[in-house]
Amino acid sequence: IDIDLTQNQEFEIEGLVDIADWWIDVDFFTEIETGKYRFNPIS
């Protein structure tokens, strides 16, 4: 998906039943809880 994202924006990812097993790239995302993240880079 091509999308506008804002630094420190919180967002959810849905549709992945195994999302807890996914590797999260800390350069871009901070995991708040399973399926919910904060965006780290600039807007």
ModelCIF file with pLDDT and N, C-alpha, C, O atoms, coordinates in Angstrom:
data_MODEL
#
_entry.id   MODEL 
#
_entity.id                         1 
_entity.type                       polymer 
_entity.pdbx_number_of_molecules   1 
#
_entity_poly.entity_id                      1 
_entity_poly.type                           'polypeptide(L)' 
_entity_poly.nstd_linkage                   no 
_entity_poly.nstd_monomer                   no 
_entity_poly.pdbx_seq_one_letter_code       IDIDLTQNQEFEIEGLVDIADWWIDVDFFTEIETGKYRFNPIS 
_entity_poly.pdbx_seq_one_letter_code_can   IDIDLTQNQEFEIEGLVDIADWWIDVDFFTEIETGKYRFNPIS 
_entity_poly.pdbx_strand_id                 A 
#
loop_
_entity_poly_seq.entity_id 
_entity_poly_seq.num 
_entity_poly_seq.mon_id 
_entity_poly_seq.hetero 
1 1  ILE n 
1 2  ASP n 
1 3  ILE n 
1 4  ASP n 
1 5  LEU n 
1 6  THR n 
1 7  GLN n 
1 8  ASN n 
1 9  GLN n 
1 10 GLU n 
1 11 PHE n 
1 12 GLU n 
1 13 ILE n 
1 14 GLU n 
1 15 GLY n 
1 16 LEU n 
1 17 VAL n 
1 18 ASP n 
1 19 ILE n 
1 20 ALA n 
1 21 ASP n 
1 22 TRP n 
1 23 TRP n 
1 24 ILE n 
1 25 ASP n 
1 26 VAL n 
1 27 ASP n 
1 28 PHE n 
1 29 PHE n 
1 30 THR n 
1 31 GLU n 
1 32 ILE n 
1 33 GLU n 
1 34 THR n 
1 35 GLY n 
1 36 LYS n 
1 37 TYR n 
1 38 ARG n 
1 39 PHE n 
1 40 ASN n 
1 41 PRO n 
1 42 ILE n 
1 43 SER n 
#
_struct_asym.id          A 
_struct_asym.entity_id   1 
#
loop_
_ma_qa_metric.id 
_ma_qa_metric.mode 
_ma_qa_metric.name 
_ma_qa_metric.software_group_id 
_ma_qa_metric.type 
1 global pLDDT . pLDDT 
2 local  pLDDT . pLDDT 
#
_ma_qa_metric_global.metric_id      1 
_ma_qa_metric_global.metric_value   95.74 
_ma_qa_metric_global.model_id       1 
_ma_qa_metric_global.ordinal_id     1 
#
loop_
_ma_qa_metric_local.label_asym_id 
_ma_qa_metric_local.label_comp_id 
_ma_qa_metric_local.label_seq_id 
_ma_qa_metric_local.metric_id 
_ma_qa_metric_local.metric_value 
_ma_qa_metric_local.model_id 
_ma_qa_metric_local.ordinal_id 
A ILE 1  2 97.00 1 1  
A ASP 2  2 97.00 1 2  
A ILE 3  2 97.00 1 3  
A ASP 4  2 97.00 1 4  
A LEU 5  2 98.00 1 5  
A THR 6  2 98.00 1 6  
A GLN 7  2 98.00 1 7  
A ASN 8  2 97.00 1 8  
A GLN 9  2 97.00 1 9  
A GLU 10 2 97.00 1 10 
A PHE 11 2 96.00 1 11 
A GLU 12 2 96.00 1 12 
A ILE 13 2 96.00 1 13 
A GLU 14 2 93.00 1 14 
A GLY 15 2 89.00 1 15 
A LEU 16 2 89.00 1 16 
A VAL 17 2 81.00 1 17 
A ASP 18 2 88.00 1 18 
A ILE 19 2 93.00 1 19 
A ALA 20 2 94.00 1 20 
A ASP 21 2 94.00 1 21 
A TRP 22 2 96.00 1 22 
A TRP 23 2 97.00 1 23 
A ILE 24 2 96.00 1 24 
A ASP 25 2 97.00 1 25 
A VAL 26 2 97.00 1 26 
A ASP 27 2 98.00 1 27 
A PHE 28 2 98.00 1 28 
A PHE 29 2 98.00 1 29 
A THR 30 2 97.00 1 30 
A GLU 31 2 97.00 1 31 
A ILE 32 2 97.00 1 32 
A GLU 33 2 96.00 1 33 
A THR 34 2 94.00 1 34 
A GLY 35 2 94.00 1 35 
A LYS 36 2 97.00 1 36 
A TYR 37 2 98.00 1 37 
A ARG 38 2 98.00 1 38 
A PHE 39 2 98.00 1 39 
A ASN 40 2 98.00 1 40 
A PRO 41 2 98.00 1 41 
A ILE 42 2 98.00 1 42 
A SER 43 2 98.00 1 43 
#
loop_
_atom_site.group_PDB 
_atom_site.id 
_atom_site.type_symbol 
_atom_site.label_atom_id 
_atom_site.label_alt_id 
_atom_site.label_comp_id 
_atom_site.label_asym_id 
_atom_site.label_entity_id 
_atom_site.label_seq_id 
_atom_site.pdbx_PDB_ins_code 
_atom_site.Cartn_x 
_atom_site.Cartn_y 
_atom_site.Cartn_z 
_atom_site.occupancy 
_atom_site.B_iso_or_equiv 
_atom_site.pdbx_formal_charge 
_atom_site.auth_seq_id 
_atom_site.auth_comp_id 
_atom_site.auth_asym_id 
_atom_site.auth_atom_id 
_atom_site.pdbx_PDB_model_num 
ATOM 1   N N  . ILE A 1 1  ? 0.855  -1.175  0.000  1.00 97.00 ? 1  ILE A N  1 
ATOM 2   C CA . ILE A 1 1  ? 0.000  0.000   0.000  1.00 97.00 ? 1  ILE A CA 1 
ATOM 3   C C  . ILE A 1 1  ? 0.890  1.224   0.000  1.00 97.00 ? 1  ILE A C  1 
ATOM 4   O O  . ILE A 1 1  ? 1.894  1.253   0.711  1.00 97.00 ? 1  ILE A O  1 
ATOM 5   N N  . ASP A 1 2  ? 0.545  2.240   -0.784 1.00 97.00 ? 2  ASP A N  1 
ATOM 6   C CA . ASP A 1 2  ? 1.208  3.538   -0.757 1.00 97.00 ? 2  ASP A CA 1 
ATOM 7   C C  . ASP A 1 2  ? 0.354  4.450   0.108  1.00 97.00 ? 2  ASP A C  1 
ATOM 8   O O  . ASP A 1 2  ? -0.831 4.648   -0.157 1.00 97.00 ? 2  ASP A O  1 
ATOM 9   N N  . ILE A 1 3  ? 0.974  5.003   1.148  1.00 97.00 ? 3  ILE A N  1 
ATOM 10  C CA . ILE A 1 3  ? 0.171  5.695   2.153  1.00 97.00 ? 3  ILE A CA 1 
ATOM 11  C C  . ILE A 1 3  ? 0.972  6.816   2.808  1.00 97.00 ? 3  ILE A C  1 
ATOM 12  O O  . ILE A 1 3  ? 2.186  6.707   2.982  1.00 97.00 ? 3  ILE A O  1 
ATOM 13  N N  . ASP A 1 4  ? 0.279  7.894   3.169  1.00 97.00 ? 4  ASP A N  1 
ATOM 14  C CA . ASP A 1 4  ? 0.907  8.978   3.930  1.00 97.00 ? 4  ASP A CA 1 
ATOM 15  C C  . ASP A 1 4  ? 0.903  8.604   5.408  1.00 97.00 ? 4  ASP A C  1 
ATOM 16  O O  . ASP A 1 4  ? -0.134 8.253   5.970  1.00 97.00 ? 4  ASP A O  1 
ATOM 17  N N  . LEU A 1 5  ? 2.072  8.683   6.022  1.00 98.00 ? 5  LEU A N  1 
ATOM 18  C CA . LEU A 1 5  ? 2.212  8.357   7.437  1.00 98.00 ? 5  LEU A CA 1 
ATOM 19  C C  . LEU A 1 5  ? 2.874  9.518   8.166  1.00 98.00 ? 5  LEU A C  1 
ATOM 20  O O  . LEU A 1 5  ? 3.738  10.202  7.617  1.00 98.00 ? 5  LEU A O  1 
ATOM 21  N N  . THR A 1 6  ? 2.461  9.728   9.402  1.00 98.00 ? 6  THR A N  1 
ATOM 22  C CA . THR A 1 6  ? 2.959  10.815  10.230 1.00 98.00 ? 6  THR A CA 1 
ATOM 23  C C  . THR A 1 6  ? 3.848  10.260  11.332 1.00 98.00 ? 6  THR A C  1 
ATOM 24  O O  . THR A 1 6  ? 3.539  9.227   11.925 1.00 98.00 ? 6  THR A O  1 
ATOM 25  N N  . GLN A 1 7  ? 4.941  10.940  11.603 1.00 98.00 ? 7  GLN A N  1 
ATOM 26  C CA . GLN A 1 7  ? 5.844  10.492  12.659 1.00 98.00 ? 7  GLN A CA 1 
ATOM 27  C C  . GLN A 1 7  ? 5.090  10.383  13.986 1.00 98.00 ? 7  GLN A C  1 
ATOM 28  O O  . GLN A 1 7  ? 4.357  11.290  14.380 1.00 98.00 ? 7  GLN A O  1 
ATOM 29  N N  . ASN A 1 8  ? 5.289  9.262   14.656 1.00 97.00 ? 8  ASN A N  1 
ATOM 30  C CA . ASN A 1 8  ? 4.646  8.922   15.934 1.00 97.00 ? 8  ASN A CA 1 
ATOM 31  C C  . ASN A 1 8  ? 3.164  8.578   15.787 1.00 97.00 ? 8  ASN A C  1 
ATOM 32  O O  . ASN A 1 8  ? 2.460  8.425   16.785 1.00 97.00 ? 8  ASN A O  1 
ATOM 33  N N  . GLN A 1 9  ? 2.690  8.458   14.549 1.00 97.00 ? 9  GLN A N  1 
ATOM 34  C CA . GLN A 1 9  ? 1.309  8.046   14.321 1.00 97.00 ? 9  GLN A CA 1 
ATOM 35  C C  . GLN A 1 9  ? 1.110  6.603   14.771 1.00 97.00 ? 9  GLN A C  1 
ATOM 36  O O  . GLN A 1 9  ? 1.952  5.741   14.517 1.00 97.00 ? 9  GLN A O  1 
ATOM 37  N N  . GLU A 1 10 ? -0.011 6.349   15.443 1.00 97.00 ? 10 GLU A N  1 
ATOM 38  C CA . GLU A 1 10 ? -0.357 4.987   15.825 1.00 97.00 ? 10 GLU A CA 1 
ATOM 39  C C  . GLU A 1 10 ? -1.299 4.402   14.774 1.00 97.00 ? 10 GLU A C  1 
ATOM 40  O O  . GLU A 1 10 ? -2.180 5.095   14.267 1.00 97.00 ? 10 GLU A O  1 
ATOM 41  N N  . PHE A 1 11 ? -1.109 3.133   14.455 1.00 96.00 ? 11 PHE A N  1 
ATOM 42  C CA . PHE A 1 11 ? -1.949 2.485   13.451 1.00 96.00 ? 11 PHE A CA 1 
ATOM 43  C C  . PHE A 1 11 ? -2.082 1.007   13.764 1.00 96.00 ? 11 PHE A C  1 
ATOM 44  O O  . PHE A 1 11 ? -1.306 0.446   14.538 1.00 96.00 ? 11 PHE A O  1 
ATOM 45  N N  . GLU A 1 12 ? -3.083 0.383   13.147 1.00 96.00 ? 12 GLU A N  1 
ATOM 46  C CA . GLU A 1 12 ? -3.333 -1.042  13.354 1.00 96.00 ? 12 GLU A CA 1 
ATOM 47  C C  . GLU A 1 12 ? -3.200 -1.791  12.044 1.00 96.00 ? 12 GLU A C  1 
ATOM 48  O O  . GLU A 1 12 ? -3.466 -1.250  10.971 1.00 96.00 ? 12 GLU A O  1 
ATOM 49  N N  . ILE A 1 13 ? -2.787 -3.034  12.146 1.00 96.00 ? 13 ILE A N  1 
ATOM 50  C CA . ILE A 1 13 ? -2.742 -3.942  11.003 1.00 96.00 ? 13 ILE A CA 1 
ATOM 51  C C  . ILE A 1 13 ? -3.682 -5.095  11.296 1.00 96.00 ? 13 ILE A C  1 
ATOM 52  O O  . ILE A 1 13 ? -3.566 -5.770  12.318 1.00 96.00 ? 13 ILE A O  1 
ATOM 53  N N  . GLU A 1 14 ? -4.632 -5.311  10.365 1.00 93.00 ? 14 GLU A N  1 
ATOM 54  C CA . GLU A 1 14 ? -5.639 -6.357  10.551 1.00 93.00 ? 14 GLU A CA 1 
ATOM 55  C C  . GLU A 1 14 ? -5.562 -7.365  9.401  1.00 93.00 ? 14 GLU A C  1 
ATOM 56  O O  . GLU A 1 14 ? -5.104 -7.047  8.303  1.00 93.00 ? 14 GLU A O  1 
ATOM 57  N N  . GLY A 1 15 ? -6.020 -8.579  9.681  1.00 89.00 ? 15 GLY A N  1 
ATOM 58  C CA . GLY A 1 15 ? -6.114 -9.600  8.650  1.00 89.00 ? 15 GLY A CA 1 
ATOM 59  C C  . GLY A 1 15 ? -5.067 -10.684 8.747  1.00 89.00 ? 15 GLY A C  1 
ATOM 60  O O  . GLY A 1 15 ? -5.157 -11.693 8.048  1.00 89.00 ? 15 GLY A O  1 
ATOM 61  N N  . LEU A 1 16 ? -4.077 -10.499 9.597  1.00 89.00 ? 16 LEU A N  1 
ATOM 62  C CA . LEU A 1 16 ? -3.014 -11.492 9.758  1.00 89.00 ? 16 LEU A CA 1 
ATOM 63  C C  . LEU A 1 16 ? -3.219 -12.228 11.085 1.00 89.00 ? 16 LEU A C  1 
ATOM 64  O O  . LEU A 1 16 ? -2.956 -11.683 12.157 1.00 89.00 ? 16 LEU A O  1 
ATOM 65  N N  . VAL A 1 17 ? -3.687 -13.457 10.995 1.00 81.00 ? 17 VAL A N  1 
ATOM 66  C CA . VAL A 1 17 ? -3.970 -14.201 12.231 1.00 81.00 ? 17 VAL A CA 1 
ATOM 67  C C  . VAL A 1 17 ? -2.688 -14.546 12.974 1.00 81.00 ? 17 VAL A C  1 
ATOM 68  O O  . VAL A 1 17 ? -2.715 -14.799 14.178 1.00 81.00 ? 17 VAL A O  1 
ATOM 69  N N  . ASP A 1 18 ? -1.553 -14.558 12.252 1.00 88.00 ? 18 ASP A N  1 
ATOM 70  C CA . ASP A 1 18 ? -0.280 -14.892 12.892 1.00 88.00 ? 18 ASP A CA 1 
ATOM 71  C C  . ASP A 1 18 ? 0.600  -13.659 13.107 1.00 88.00 ? 18 ASP A C  1 
ATOM 72  O O  . ASP A 1 18 ? 1.823  -13.774 13.180 1.00 88.00 ? 18 ASP A O  1 
ATOM 73  N N  . ILE A 1 19 ? -0.024 -12.474 13.208 1.00 93.00 ? 19 ILE A N  1 
ATOM 74  C CA . ILE A 1 19 ? 0.731  -11.233 13.334 1.00 93.00 ? 19 ILE A CA 1 
ATOM 75  C C  . ILE A 1 19 ? 1.693  -11.262 14.517 1.00 93.00 ? 19 ILE A C  1 
ATOM 76  O O  . ILE A 1 19 ? 2.723  -10.589 14.481 1.00 93.00 ? 19 ILE A O  1 
ATOM 77  N N  . ALA A 1 20 ? 1.384  -12.019 15.553 1.00 94.00 ? 20 ALA A N  1 
ATOM 78  C CA . ALA A 1 20 ? 2.271  -12.105 16.723 1.00 94.00 ? 20 ALA A CA 1 
ATOM 79  C C  . ALA A 1 20 ? 3.604  -12.750 16.368 1.00 94.00 ? 20 ALA A C  1 
ATOM 80  O O  . ALA A 1 20 ? 4.591  -12.566 17.080 1.00 94.00 ? 20 ALA A O  1 
ATOM 81  N N  . ASP A 1 21 ? 3.641  -13.507 15.267 1.00 94.00 ? 21 ASP A N  1 
ATOM 82  C CA . ASP A 1 21 ? 4.871  -14.182 14.857 1.00 94.00 ? 21 ASP A CA 1 
ATOM 83  C C  . ASP A 1 21 ? 5.678  -13.363 13.863 1.00 94.00 ? 21 ASP A C  1 
ATOM 84  O O  . ASP A 1 21 ? 6.756  -13.791 13.451 1.00 94.00 ? 21 ASP A O  1 
ATOM 85  N N  . TRP A 1 22 ? 5.182  -12.195 13.468 1.00 96.00 ? 22 TRP A N  1 
ATOM 86  C CA . TRP A 1 22 ? 5.874  -11.410 12.451 1.00 96.00 ? 22 TRP A CA 1 
ATOM 87  C C  . TRP A 1 22 ? 7.058  -10.651 13.037 1.00 96.00 ? 22 TRP A C  1 
ATOM 88  O O  . TRP A 1 22 ? 7.034  -10.221 14.190 1.00 96.00 ? 22 TRP A O  1 
ATOM 89  N N  . TRP A 1 23 ? 8.092  -10.499 12.220 1.00 97.00 ? 23 TRP A N  1 
ATOM 90  C CA . TRP A 1 23 ? 9.273  -9.722  12.589 1.00 97.00 ? 23 TRP A CA 1 
ATOM 91  C C  . TRP A 1 23 ? 8.983  -8.247  12.331 1.00 97.00 ? 23 TRP A C  1 
ATOM 92  O O  . TRP A 1 23 ? 8.557  -7.876  11.237 1.00 97.00 ? 23 TRP A O  1 
ATOM 93  N N  . ILE A 1 24 ? 9.210  -7.414  13.327 1.00 96.00 ? 24 ILE A N  1 
ATOM 94  C CA . ILE A 1 24 ? 8.894  -5.990  13.241 1.00 96.00 ? 24 ILE A CA 1 
ATOM 95  C C  . ILE A 1 24 ? 10.186 -5.195  13.109 1.00 96.00 ? 24 ILE A C  1 
ATOM 96  O O  . ILE A 1 24 ? 11.078 -5.311  13.950 1.00 96.00 ? 24 ILE A O  1 
ATOM 97  N N  . ASP A 1 25 ? 10.289 -4.404  12.072 1.00 97.00 ? 25 ASP A N  1 
ATOM 98  C CA . ASP A 1 25 ? 11.470 -3.586  11.807 1.00 97.00 ? 25 ASP A CA 1 
ATOM 99  C C  . ASP A 1 25 ? 11.437 -2.352  12.707 1.00 97.00 ? 25 ASP A C  1 
ATOM 100 O O  . ASP A 1 25 ? 10.623 -1.451  12.507 1.00 97.00 ? 25 ASP A O  1 
ATOM 101 N N  . VAL A 1 26 ? 12.325 -2.318  13.696 1.00 97.00 ? 26 VAL A N  1 
ATOM 102 C CA . VAL A 1 26 ? 12.288 -1.244  14.699 1.00 97.00 ? 26 VAL A CA 1 
ATOM 103 C C  . VAL A 1 26 ? 12.694 0.101   14.118 1.00 97.00 ? 26 VAL A C  1 
ATOM 104 O O  . VAL A 1 26 ? 12.423 1.135   14.728 1.00 97.00 ? 26 VAL A O  1 
ATOM 105 N N  . ASP A 1 27 ? 13.337 0.115   12.957 1.00 98.00 ? 27 ASP A N  1 
ATOM 106 C CA . ASP A 1 27 ? 13.643 1.404   12.341 1.00 98.00 ? 27 ASP A CA 1 
ATOM 107 C C  . ASP A 1 27 ? 12.371 2.139   11.948 1.00 98.00 ? 27 ASP A C  1 
ATOM 108 O O  . ASP A 1 27 ? 12.325 3.369   11.952 1.00 98.00 ? 27 ASP A O  1 
ATOM 109 N N  . PHE A 1 28 ? 11.342 1.377   11.609 1.00 98.00 ? 28 PHE A N  1 
ATOM 110 C CA . PHE A 1 28 ? 10.110 1.979   11.129 1.00 98.00 ? 28 PHE A CA 1 
ATOM 111 C C  . PHE A 1 28 ? 8.958  1.887   12.126 1.00 98.00 ? 28 PHE A C  1 
ATOM 112 O O  . PHE A 1 28 ? 8.107  2.776   12.169 1.00 98.00 ? 28 PHE A O  1 
ATOM 113 N N  . PHE A 1 29 ? 8.920  0.829   12.923 1.00 98.00 ? 29 PHE A N  1 
ATOM 114 C CA . PHE A 1 29 ? 7.766  0.610   13.798 1.00 98.00 ? 29 PHE A CA 1 
ATOM 115 C C  . PHE A 1 29 ? 8.190  0.335   15.233 1.00 98.00 ? 29 PHE A C  1 
ATOM 116 O O  . PHE A 1 29 ? 9.203  -0.317  15.489 1.00 98.00 ? 29 PHE A O  1 
ATOM 117 N N  . THR A 1 30 ? 7.393  0.848   16.160 1.00 97.00 ? 30 THR A N  1 
ATOM 118 C CA . THR A 1 30 ? 7.476  0.447   17.569 1.00 97.00 ? 30 THR A CA 1 
ATOM 119 C C  . THR A 1 30 ? 6.184  -0.278  17.904 1.00 97.00 ? 30 THR A C  1 
ATOM 120 O O  . THR A 1 30 ? 5.098  0.271   17.725 1.00 97.00 ? 30 THR A O  1 
ATOM 121 N N  . GLU A 1 31 ? 6.294  -1.501  18.386 1.00 97.00 ? 31 GLU A N  1 
ATOM 122 C CA . GLU A 1 31 ? 5.102  -2.280  18.708 1.00 97.00 ? 31 GLU A CA 1 
ATOM 123 C C  . GLU A 1 31 ? 4.509  -1.810  20.032 1.00 97.00 ? 31 GLU A C  1 
ATOM 124 O O  . GLU A 1 31 ? 5.181  -1.817  21.064 1.00 97.00 ? 31 GLU A O  1 
ATOM 125 N N  . ILE A 1 32 ? 3.253  -1.407  19.989 1.00 97.00 ? 32 ILE A N  1 
ATOM 126 C CA . ILE A 1 32 ? 2.534  -1.007  21.201 1.00 97.00 ? 32 ILE A CA 1 
ATOM 127 C C  . ILE A 1 32 ? 1.902  -2.241  21.832 1.00 97.00 ? 32 ILE A C  1 
ATOM 128 O O  . ILE A 1 32 ? 2.005  -2.477  23.035 1.00 97.00 ? 32 ILE A O  1 
ATOM 129 N N  . GLU A 1 33 ? 1.254  -3.006  20.990 1.00 96.00 ? 33 GLU A N  1 
ATOM 130 C CA . GLU A 1 33 ? 0.718  -4.317  21.355 1.00 96.00 ? 33 GLU A CA 1 
ATOM 131 C C  . GLU A 1 33 ? 0.566  -5.093  20.048 1.00 96.00 ? 33 GLU A C  1 
ATOM 132 O O  . GLU A 1 33 ? 0.758  -4.528  18.971 1.00 96.00 ? 33 GLU A O  1 
ATOM 133 N N  . THR A 1 34 ? 0.229  -6.357  20.127 1.00 94.00 ? 34 THR A N  1 
ATOM 134 C CA . THR A 1 34 ? 0.116  -7.160  18.917 1.00 94.00 ? 34 THR A CA 1 
ATOM 135 C C  . THR A 1 34 ? -0.887 -6.547  17.937 1.00 94.00 ? 34 THR A C  1 
ATOM 136 O O  . THR A 1 34 ? -2.066 -6.391  18.254 1.00 94.00 ? 34 THR A O  1 
ATOM 137 N N  . GLY A 1 35 ? -0.400 -6.205  16.751 1.00 94.00 ? 35 GLY A N  1 
ATOM 138 C CA . GLY A 1 35 ? -1.256 -5.624  15.726 1.00 94.00 ? 35 GLY A CA 1 
ATOM 139 C C  . GLY A 1 35 ? -1.380 -4.117  15.778 1.00 94.00 ? 35 GLY A C  1 
ATOM 140 O O  . GLY A 1 35 ? -2.002 -3.518  14.901 1.00 94.00 ? 35 GLY A O  1 
ATOM 141 N N  . LYS A 1 36 ? -0.795 -3.488  16.797 1.00 97.00 ? 36 LYS A N  1 
ATOM 142 C CA . LYS A 1 36 ? -0.867 -2.030  16.925 1.00 97.00 ? 36 LYS A CA 1 
ATOM 143 C C  . LYS A 1 36 ? 0.551  -1.475  17.057 1.00 97.00 ? 36 LYS A C  1 
ATOM 144 O O  . LYS A 1 36 ? 1.358  -1.977  17.839 1.00 97.00 ? 36 LYS A O  1 
ATOM 145 N N  . TYR A 1 37 ? 0.843  -0.406  16.260 1.00 98.00 ? 37 TYR A N  1 
ATOM 146 C CA . TYR A 1 37 ? 2.224  0.064   16.157 1.00 98.00 ? 37 TYR A CA 1 
ATOM 147 C C  . TYR A 1 37 ? 2.281  1.587   16.120 1.00 98.00 ? 37 TYR A C  1 
ATOM 148 O O  . TYR A 1 37 ? 1.279  2.268   15.900 1.00 98.00 ? 37 TYR A O  1 
ATOM 149 N N  . ARG A 1 38 ? 3.495  2.097   16.346 1.00 98.00 ? 38 ARG A N  1 
ATOM 150 C CA . ARG A 1 38 ? 3.761  3.528   16.216 1.00 98.00 ? 38 ARG A CA 1 
ATOM 151 C C  . ARG A 1 38 ? 4.790  3.696   15.104 1.00 98.00 ? 38 ARG A C  1 
ATOM 152 O O  . ARG A 1 38 ? 5.761  2.943   15.027 1.00 98.00 ? 38 ARG A O  1 
ATOM 153 N N  . PHE A 1 39 ? 4.569  4.702   14.234 1.00 98.00 ? 39 PHE A N  1 
ATOM 154 C CA . PHE A 1 39 ? 5.469  4.927   13.102 1.00 98.00 ? 39 PHE A CA 1 
ATOM 155 C C  . PHE A 1 39 ? 6.623  5.822   13.527 1.00 98.00 ? 39 PHE A C  1 
ATOM 156 O O  . PHE A 1 39 ? 6.396  6.898   14.080 1.00 98.00 ? 39 PHE A O  1 
ATOM 157 N N  . ASN A 1 40 ? 7.859  5.394   13.277 1.00 98.00 ? 40 ASN A N  1 
ATOM 158 C CA . ASN A 1 40 ? 9.039  6.082   13.807 1.00 98.00 ? 40 ASN A CA 1 
ATOM 159 C C  . ASN A 1 40 ? 9.671  7.133   12.894 1.00 98.00 ? 40 ASN A C  1 
ATOM 160 O O  . ASN A 1 40 ? 10.089 8.172   13.405 1.00 98.00 ? 40 ASN A O  1 
ATOM 161 N N  . PRO A 1 41 ? 9.769  6.929   11.565 1.00 98.00 ? 41 PRO A N  1 
ATOM 162 C CA . PRO A 1 41 ? 10.452 7.926   10.726 1.00 98.00 ? 41 PRO A CA 1 
ATOM 163 C C  . PRO A 1 41 ? 9.684  9.238   10.618 1.00 98.00 ? 41 PRO A C  1 
ATOM 164 O O  . PRO A 1 41 ? 8.596  9.391   11.173 1.00 98.00 ? 41 PRO A O  1 
ATOM 165 N N  . ILE A 1 42 ? 10.280 10.180  9.888  1.00 98.00 ? 42 ILE A N  1 
ATOM 166 C CA . ILE A 1 42 ? 9.638  11.478  9.684  1.00 98.00 ? 42 ILE A CA 1 
ATOM 167 C C  . ILE A 1 42 ? 8.378  11.297  8.845  1.00 98.00 ? 42 ILE A C  1 
ATOM 168 O O  . ILE A 1 42 ? 8.218  10.289  8.156  1.00 98.00 ? 42 ILE A O  1 
ATOM 169 N N  . SER A 1 43 ? 7.498  12.271  8.909  1.00 98.00 ? 43 SER A N  1 
ATOM 170 C CA . SER A 1 43 ? 6.237  12.216  8.166  1.00 98.00 ? 43 SER A CA 1 
ATOM 171 C C  . SER A 1 43 ? 6.495  12.274  6.666  1.00 98.00 ? 43 SER A C  1 
ATOM 172 O O  . SER A 1 43 ? 5.552  12.240  5.875  1.00 98.00 ? 43 SER A O  1 
#
